[in-house]
C-alpha cells in the first residue's frame, strides 16, 4: 500500500481548503492508498517575516474539524515554531 500525505502547505481560508479537499477526495477513496490530509496552521519558517503563517491554532482546528466531518480524512498537521 502506498502512503500519501498531501494538502496545502499552510491552511488558507475555509473555502480554499474545502476546494482542495474536494479535489483530493478521489485519491482518499482509492483502496490502494493510505491517505492523510496534511497542512500547517502556523508555519513560522517562511522566507519572509511578512508572509502569511496560517490561521493559528483555534481557527486551524475548526478547519480541520470541518474537513474531518465533510470528507472523513485521516489528518496530519504540523506546527513550526520560532523556537
Protein backbone atom coordinates (compact mmCIF):
# COMPACT_ATOMS: atom_id res chain seq x y z
CA UNK A 1 0.00 0.00 0.00
CA UNK A 2 1.20 3.49 -0.84
CA UNK A 3 1.05 6.14 1.92
CA UNK A 4 0.22 9.66 0.67
CA UNK A 5 0.26 12.78 2.85
CA UNK A 6 -0.99 15.76 0.89
CA UNK A 7 -2.83 19.03 1.22
CA UNK A 8 -1.99 22.72 1.30
CA UNK A 9 1.36 23.75 2.75
CA UNK A 10 -0.45 26.10 5.12
CA UNK A 11 -4.17 26.39 5.83
CA UNK A 12 -5.62 29.36 4.00
CA UNK A 13 -9.27 30.36 4.29
CA UNK A 14 -12.03 27.75 4.74
CA UNK A 15 -13.29 27.97 1.13
CA UNK A 16 -9.84 27.33 -0.35
CA UNK A 17 -9.18 24.38 1.94
CA UNK A 18 -12.59 22.83 1.14
CA UNK A 19 -11.88 23.15 -2.60
CA UNK A 20 -8.53 21.42 -2.14
CA UNK A 21 -10.14 18.66 -0.08
CA UNK A 22 -12.80 18.11 -2.74
CA UNK A 23 -10.09 17.66 -5.39
CA UNK A 24 -8.30 15.16 -3.13
CA UNK A 25 -11.42 13.07 -2.43
CA UNK A 26 -10.83 10.56 -5.27
CA UNK A 27 -7.32 9.86 -4.00
CA UNK A 28 -8.65 9.34 -0.47
CA UNK A 29 -11.17 6.81 -1.78
CA UNK A 30 -8.55 4.73 -3.62
CA UNK A 31 -8.22 1.49 -1.62
CA UNK A 32 -4.56 1.15 -2.71
CA UNK A 33 -3.65 4.39 -0.92
CA UNK A 34 -3.21 5.09 2.79
CA UNK A 35 -4.34 8.73 2.59
CA UNK A 36 -3.63 11.58 5.04
CA UNK A 37 -4.73 15.19 4.68
CA UNK A 38 -1.81 17.34 5.87
CA UNK A 39 -1.44 21.08 6.40
CA UNK A 40 0.04 23.58 8.85
CA UNK A 41 -1.98 26.02 10.92
CA UNK A 42 1.07 28.11 11.94
CA UNK A 43 4.07 27.95 9.65
CA UNK A 44 6.84 30.02 11.26
CA UNK A 45 9.57 29.01 8.82
CA UNK A 46 8.58 31.37 6.00
CA UNK A 47 11.22 33.09 3.87
CA UNK A 48 9.71 36.50 4.60
CA UNK A 49 8.73 37.77 8.04
CA UNK A 50 5.65 39.35 6.49
CA UNK A 51 4.41 36.12 4.82
CA UNK A 52 1.11 34.59 5.88
CA UNK A 53 1.82 31.96 8.56
CA UNK A 54 -1.63 30.42 8.77
CA UNK A 55 -4.84 30.92 10.73
CA UNK A 56 -3.43 29.90 14.11
CA UNK A 57 -4.43 27.08 16.43
CA UNK A 58 -8.06 27.93 17.16
CA UNK A 59 -9.15 28.66 13.59
CA UNK A 60 -6.90 25.88 12.25
CA UNK A 61 -8.61 23.29 14.45
CA UNK A 62 -12.02 24.50 13.22
CA UNK A 63 -10.88 23.98 9.63
CA UNK A 64 -9.52 20.51 10.40
CA UNK A 65 -12.78 19.62 12.17
CA UNK A 66 -14.79 20.69 9.12
CA UNK A 67 -12.54 18.64 6.79
CA UNK A 68 -12.92 15.58 9.04
CA UNK A 69 -16.70 15.98 9.20
CA UNK A 70 -17.26 16.58 5.48
CA UNK A 71 -14.64 14.25 4.00
CA UNK A 72 -13.68 11.80 6.75
CA UNK A 73 -9.98 12.24 6.00
CA UNK A 74 -7.35 10.97 8.40
CA UNK A 75 -5.40 14.10 9.25
CA UNK A 76 -1.83 15.03 9.97
CA UNK A 77 -0.88 18.57 10.86
CA UNK A 78 2.28 20.26 11.95
CA UNK A 79 3.17 23.46 13.68
CA UNK A 80 6.55 25.06 13.10
CA UNK A 81 7.58 27.44 15.85
CA UNK A 82 10.26 30.09 16.10
CA UNK A 83 11.91 28.21 18.97
